[in-house]
């Protein structure tokens, strides 16, 4: 399953690399200006009329698929057919709910693409721009409380690998309702892995399977403001589902104070009223119902 949005060249290269008889390849195009050309016998192109986002696009591909194992692969990841077969074999164990590979950067170095589930407090660092600055100030030991370090002493069973290459049994995927379509681009994979774990299943990383993942193919098309807006909106969907409305209110209150009122006061003290107002306006847009 490949969800394509303005990444035709990457998608076409990936499809060509997976052109083997025993793999069913479905490309879901999210109304790109230039849809990919799918020219292999094993691949099908499903063209949507509008950009419905990654979660809905992935679900649409899963609905169209016939295989008992679903592999969700980003256009900028490069698993081989043997990689997918090997990881799929791990799903014969019913205690395993999902499988991912060891992700590598383009230079071959291990990629930090494995995450702990965000809680009400740790999730503030997903939500607030302030969190990024605190990360830089406190350094990697602090960050590793929330994410797994890049390939060093990682457990086989992690909370959540990124879904650049993630395999799930169709029966399990259907049983838990697929990806949460209230999300658009982020946290759908986090939510899926958490729901599999709540069923008592493991999310397995196959450290013996290496998959190169360039990262950021579609995301790079977004401005920083648009990217942050998607992260914040999708995080609140995840937070409400797993921690309730009170956690959402707490997160919005923290955002209002830390990203709105305090920076606005700082701008006023420096005699920058326009910047102060813009800071408040932007933050109110985020925390509004």
Protein backbone atom coordinates (compact mmCIF):
# COMPACT_ATOMS: atom_id res chain seq x y z
CA UNK A 1 0.00 0.00 0.00
CA UNK A 2 1.56 3.26 -1.12
CA UNK A 3 -0.20 6.57 -0.51
CA UNK A 4 1.01 9.07 -3.07
CA UNK A 5 0.73 12.84 -2.91
CA UNK A 6 2.94 14.79 -5.30
CA UNK A 7 5.66 12.14 -5.07
CA UNK A 8 5.26 10.50 -8.48
CA UNK A 9 8.96 9.86 -9.12
CA UNK A 10 9.51 8.19 -5.74
CA UNK A 11 6.32 6.15 -6.06
CA UNK A 12 7.15 4.98 -9.58
CA UNK A 13 10.63 3.88 -8.47
CA UNK A 14 9.20 1.99 -5.48
CA UNK A 15 6.52 0.27 -7.57
CA UNK A 16 9.12 -0.82 -10.13
CA UNK A 17 11.27 -2.34 -7.36
CA UNK A 18 8.30 -4.39 -6.09
CA UNK A 19 7.26 -5.82 -9.46
CA UNK A 20 7.09 -9.53 -8.59
CA UNK A 21 4.17 -11.91 -9.16
CA UNK A 22 3.40 -12.73 -5.52
CA UNK A 23 3.10 -9.11 -4.30
CA UNK A 24 -0.07 -7.09 -4.68
CA UNK A 25 0.86 -3.41 -4.97
CA UNK A 26 -1.82 -0.75 -4.60
CA UNK A 27 -1.01 2.92 -5.12
CA UNK A 28 -3.52 5.37 -3.67
CA UNK A 29 -3.16 8.79 -5.26
CA UNK A 30 -4.48 11.65 -3.12
CA UNK A 31 -5.52 13.88 -6.04
CA UNK A 32 -1.97 14.81 -7.03
CA UNK A 33 -1.42 17.30 -9.81
CA UNK A 34 0.71 14.63 -11.51
CA UNK A 35 -0.42 11.08 -10.59
CA UNK A 36 2.26 8.39 -10.82
CA UNK A 37 2.41 6.17 -13.88
CA UNK A 38 1.86 2.59 -12.71
CA UNK A 39 3.12 0.33 -15.46
CA UNK A 40 3.60 -3.07 -13.80
CA UNK A 41 1.28 -6.08 -13.98
CA UNK A 42 1.24 -6.49 -10.19
CA UNK A 43 0.30 -2.88 -9.34
CA UNK A 44 -3.02 -1.02 -9.35
CA UNK A 45 -3.64 2.71 -9.14
CA UNK A 46 -6.54 3.99 -7.07
CA UNK A 47 -7.12 7.68 -7.79
CA UNK A 48 -9.06 9.68 -5.22
CA UNK A 49 -10.94 12.83 -6.14
CA UNK A 50 -9.48 14.89 -3.30
CA UNK A 51 -6.59 14.78 -0.85
CA UNK A 52 -8.14 12.88 2.04
CA UNK A 53 -4.91 12.53 3.99
CA UNK A 54 -2.65 9.60 4.82
CA UNK A 55 -4.97 7.73 7.18
CA UNK A 56 -7.99 7.71 4.87
CA UNK A 57 -5.82 7.04 1.85
CA UNK A 58 -4.25 4.04 3.59
CA UNK A 59 -7.67 2.72 4.60
CA UNK A 60 -8.89 3.09 1.01
CA UNK A 61 -5.93 1.03 -0.18
CA UNK A 62 -6.54 -1.61 2.50
CA UNK A 63 -10.19 -1.87 1.44
CA UNK A 64 -9.11 -2.51 -2.15
CA UNK A 65 -6.45 -5.10 -1.24
CA UNK A 66 -7.02 -8.84 -1.20
CA UNK A 67 -3.85 -10.08 0.53
CA UNK A 68 -3.99 -11.47 4.11
CA UNK A 69 -1.04 -9.23 5.13
CA UNK A 70 -1.10 -5.48 4.53
CA UNK A 71 2.16 -3.57 4.11
CA UNK A 72 1.95 0.22 4.38
CA UNK A 73 5.01 1.68 2.66
CA UNK A 74 5.92 5.34 2.15
CA UNK A 75 6.99 6.38 -1.33
CA UNK A 76 10.47 7.30 -0.04
CA UNK A 77 11.11 3.92 1.64
CA UNK A 78 12.83 1.09 -0.22
CA UNK A 79 11.95 -2.38 1.10
CA UNK A 80 12.71 -5.24 -1.27
CA UNK A 81 10.21 -8.03 -1.99
CA UNK A 82 12.34 -10.33 0.20
CA UNK A 83 12.20 -7.78 3.04
CA UNK A 84 8.41 -7.75 2.89
CA UNK A 85 8.17 -11.54 2.73
CA UNK A 86 10.52 -11.93 5.69
CA UNK A 87 8.62 -9.44 7.84
CA UNK A 88 5.29 -10.91 6.77
CA UNK A 89 6.43 -14.31 8.01
CA UNK A 90 6.70 -12.85 11.53
CA UNK A 91 2.95 -12.24 11.46
CA UNK A 92 2.24 -15.97 11.49
CA UNK A 93 2.65 -15.58 15.26
CA UNK A 94 -0.75 -14.30 16.50
CA UNK A 95 0.91 -12.50 19.42
CA UNK A 96 2.59 -10.14 16.90
CA UNK A 97 0.25 -7.40 15.76
CA UNK A 98 2.59 -5.35 13.56
CA UNK A 99 6.11 -5.59 12.15
CA UNK A 100 8.59 -2.94 11.01
CA UNK A 101 12.21 -3.08 9.80
CA UNK A 102 15.35 -1.32 10.93
CA UNK A 103 15.17 2.04 9.17
CA UNK A 104 18.33 3.51 7.71
CA UNK A 105 19.13 7.00 6.47
CA UNK A 106 20.37 7.44 2.92
CA UNK A 107 23.97 7.26 4.19
CA UNK A 108 23.31 3.89 5.85
CA UNK A 109 23.24 5.15 9.42
CA UNK A 110 20.46 3.96 11.78
CA UNK A 111 17.42 6.21 11.71
CA UNK A 112 15.68 7.38 14.90
CA UNK A 113 12.21 6.42 13.75
CA UNK A 114 10.85 4.61 16.81
CA UNK A 115 8.74 6.35 19.42
CA UNK A 116 7.27 5.93 22.86
CA UNK A 117 3.56 6.57 23.16
CA UNK A 118 2.99 10.21 24.15
CA UNK A 119 1.32 10.76 27.50
CA UNK A 120 -0.53 13.84 28.65
CA UNK A 121 2.68 15.54 29.83
CA UNK A 122 5.24 14.15 27.37
CA UNK A 123 2.81 14.85 24.54
CA UNK A 124 3.14 18.58 25.17
CA UNK A 125 6.49 18.33 23.42
CA UNK A 126 4.68 17.07 20.31
CA UNK A 127 2.22 19.94 20.54
CA UNK A 128 4.18 23.00 21.59
CA UNK A 129 6.90 24.73 19.54
CA UNK A 130 8.40 25.47 22.96
CA UNK A 131 9.06 21.74 23.31
CA UNK A 132 11.50 21.79 20.42
CA UNK A 133 13.54 24.51 22.11
CA UNK A 134 13.60 22.58 25.40
CA UNK A 135 14.81 19.52 23.49
CA UNK A 136 17.73 21.52 22.11
CA UNK A 137 18.59 22.99 25.50
CA UNK A 138 18.51 19.70 27.42
CA UNK A 139 20.02 17.46 24.75
CA UNK A 140 19.60 13.86 23.62
CA UNK A 141 19.39 12.18 27.08
CA UNK A 142 16.20 14.16 27.72
CA UNK A 143 14.78 13.37 24.27
CA UNK A 144 15.36 9.64 24.78
CA UNK A 145 12.81 9.66 27.60
CA UNK A 146 10.22 10.12 24.85
CA UNK A 147 11.85 8.52 21.80
CA UNK A 148 14.21 5.65 21.22
CA UNK A 149 17.78 6.57 20.30
CA UNK A 150 18.97 5.94 16.77
CA UNK A 151 19.58 2.21 16.64
CA UNK A 152 21.60 1.93 19.86
CA UNK A 153 20.51 -0.79 22.31
CA UNK A 154 16.95 -0.75 21.03
CA UNK A 155 14.49 -3.40 22.21
CA UNK A 156 12.88 -5.77 19.75
CA UNK A 157 9.47 -4.68 21.00
CA UNK A 158 9.03 -0.88 20.82
CA UNK A 159 5.91 1.17 21.45
CA UNK A 160 5.61 2.45 17.92
CA UNK A 161 7.81 2.40 14.83
CA UNK A 162 7.08 5.00 12.20
CA UNK A 163 4.79 3.69 9.48
CA UNK A 164 7.19 4.25 6.58
CA UNK A 165 7.14 0.45 6.30
CA UNK A 166 4.67 -1.27 8.60
CA UNK A 167 3.06 -4.68 8.15
CA UNK A 168 -0.22 -5.77 9.76
CA UNK A 169 -2.48 -8.78 9.31
CA UNK A 170 -5.64 -7.84 7.45
CA UNK A 171 -7.84 -9.55 10.07
CA UNK A 172 -6.29 -7.51 12.89
CA UNK A 173 -6.44 -4.31 10.87
CA UNK A 174 -10.15 -4.81 10.17
CA UNK A 175 -10.88 -5.86 13.76
CA UNK A 176 -9.54 -2.60 15.21
CA UNK A 177 -11.14 -0.43 12.53
CA UNK A 178 -8.04 0.49 10.52
CA UNK A 179 -6.38 3.87 10.84
CA UNK A 180 -8.25 6.66 12.61
CA UNK A 181 -9.69 8.75 9.78
CA UNK A 182 -10.14 11.76 12.06
CA UNK A 183 -6.37 12.23 11.68
CA UNK A 184 -4.94 13.57 8.43
CA UNK A 185 -1.19 13.00 8.38
CA UNK A 186 0.21 12.26 11.85
CA UNK A 187 -0.46 9.96 14.84
CA UNK A 188 -2.61 7.48 12.91
CA UNK A 189 0.26 4.98 13.16
CA UNK A 190 0.72 5.80 16.85
CA UNK A 191 -2.96 5.17 17.48
CA UNK A 192 -2.93 1.91 15.51
CA UNK A 193 0.05 0.50 17.41
CA UNK A 194 -1.48 1.47 20.76
CA UNK A 195 -4.76 -0.25 19.90
CA UNK A 196 -2.89 -3.40 18.85
CA UNK A 197 -1.06 -3.34 22.18
CA UNK A 198 -4.33 -2.91 24.02
CA UNK A 199 -5.36 -6.21 22.41
CA UNK A 200 -2.27 -7.80 23.97
CA UNK A 201 -0.24 -7.92 20.75
CA UNK A 202 3.39 -7.01 20.24
CA UNK A 203 4.75 -4.41 17.83
CA UNK A 204 7.88 -6.10 16.56
CA UNK A 205 10.96 -4.53 14.98
CA UNK A 206 13.02 -6.84 12.80
CA UNK A 207 16.52 -5.48 13.34
CA UNK A 208 17.81 -8.01 10.79
CA UNK A 209 15.84 -6.35 7.97
CA UNK A 210 17.31 -3.05 6.76
CA UNK A 211 15.12 -0.60 4.85
CA UNK A 212 16.38 2.76 3.61
CA UNK A 213 13.96 5.60 4.32
CA UNK A 214 14.75 9.03 2.92
CA UNK A 215 12.02 10.73 4.96
CA UNK A 216 9.95 13.84 4.37
CA UNK A 217 8.90 13.30 0.75
CA UNK A 218 5.36 14.67 1.07
CA UNK A 219 5.91 16.53 4.34
CA UNK A 220 8.59 18.69 2.70
CA UNK A 221 5.85 20.21 0.51
CA UNK A 222 4.27 21.84 3.58
CA UNK A 223 5.28 25.17 5.09
CA UNK A 224 6.43 25.10 8.70
CA UNK A 225 3.16 26.67 9.79
CA UNK A 226 1.07 24.12 7.89
CA UNK A 227 3.19 21.26 9.19
CA UNK A 228 2.81 22.43 12.80
CA UNK A 229 -0.95 22.85 12.31
CA UNK A 230 -1.29 19.25 11.06
CA UNK A 231 0.80 17.90 13.95
CA UNK A 232 -1.22 19.81 16.54
CA UNK A 233 -4.62 18.95 15.10
CA UNK A 234 -3.82 15.24 14.72
CA UNK A 235 -2.24 15.05 18.15
CA UNK A 236 -5.42 16.42 19.75
CA UNK A 237 -7.42 13.71 17.95
CA UNK A 238 -5.08 11.07 19.38
CA UNK A 239 -5.10 12.66 22.82
CA UNK A 240 -8.90 12.82 23.03
CA UNK A 241 -9.26 9.21 21.97
CA UNK A 242 -6.79 7.78 24.47
CA UNK A 243 -6.72 10.27 27.35
CA UNK A 244 -10.07 12.05 27.20
CA UNK A 245 -11.41 15.58 26.94
CA UNK A 246 -9.76 16.74 30.18
CA UNK A 247 -6.32 16.00 28.71
CA UNK A 248 -7.22 18.02 25.61
CA UNK A 249 -8.26 20.99 27.76
CA UNK A 250 -5.04 20.75 29.78
CA UNK A 251 -2.94 20.70 26.61
CA UNK A 252 -4.76 23.70 25.15
CA UNK A 253 -4.38 25.62 28.42
CA UNK A 254 -0.64 24.88 28.47
CA UNK A 255 -0.38 26.04 24.86
CA UNK A 256 -2.24 29.25 25.63
CA UNK A 257 0.12 30.10 28.49
CA UNK A 258 3.46 28.82 27.17
CA UNK A 259 3.05 29.58 23.47
CA UNK A 260 0.64 32.52 23.72
CA UNK A 261 0.55 34.66 26.84
CA UNK A 262 4.18 34.44 27.93
CA UNK A 263 5.70 35.16 24.49
CA UNK A 264 3.11 37.92 23.94
CA UNK A 265 4.10 39.58 27.22
CA UNK A 266 7.76 39.34 26.22
CA UNK A 267 7.02 41.11 22.93
CA UNK A 268 5.12 43.85 24.80
CA UNK A 269 8.03 44.37 27.18
CA UNK A 270 10.21 44.90 24.12
CA UNK A 271 7.69 47.40 22.72
CA UNK A 272 6.55 45.15 19.88
CA UNK A 273 2.73 45.24 20.14
CA UNK A 274 2.16 43.92 16.63
CA UNK A 275 4.29 40.84 17.31
CA UNK A 276 2.50 40.39 20.63
CA UNK A 277 -0.90 40.41 18.95
CA UNK A 278 0.26 38.02 16.22
CA UNK A 279 1.55 35.60 18.86
CA UNK A 280 -1.81 35.63 20.65
CA UNK A 281 -3.77 35.36 17.40
CA UNK A 282 -1.79 32.35 16.23
CA UNK A 283 -2.11 30.59 19.56
CA UNK A 284 -5.85 31.25 19.83
CA UNK A 285 -6.27 29.70 16.40
CA UNK A 286 -4.61 26.53 17.71
CA UNK A 287 -6.53 26.24 20.98
CA UNK A 288 -9.94 27.28 19.63
CA UNK A 289 -12.59 24.50 19.61
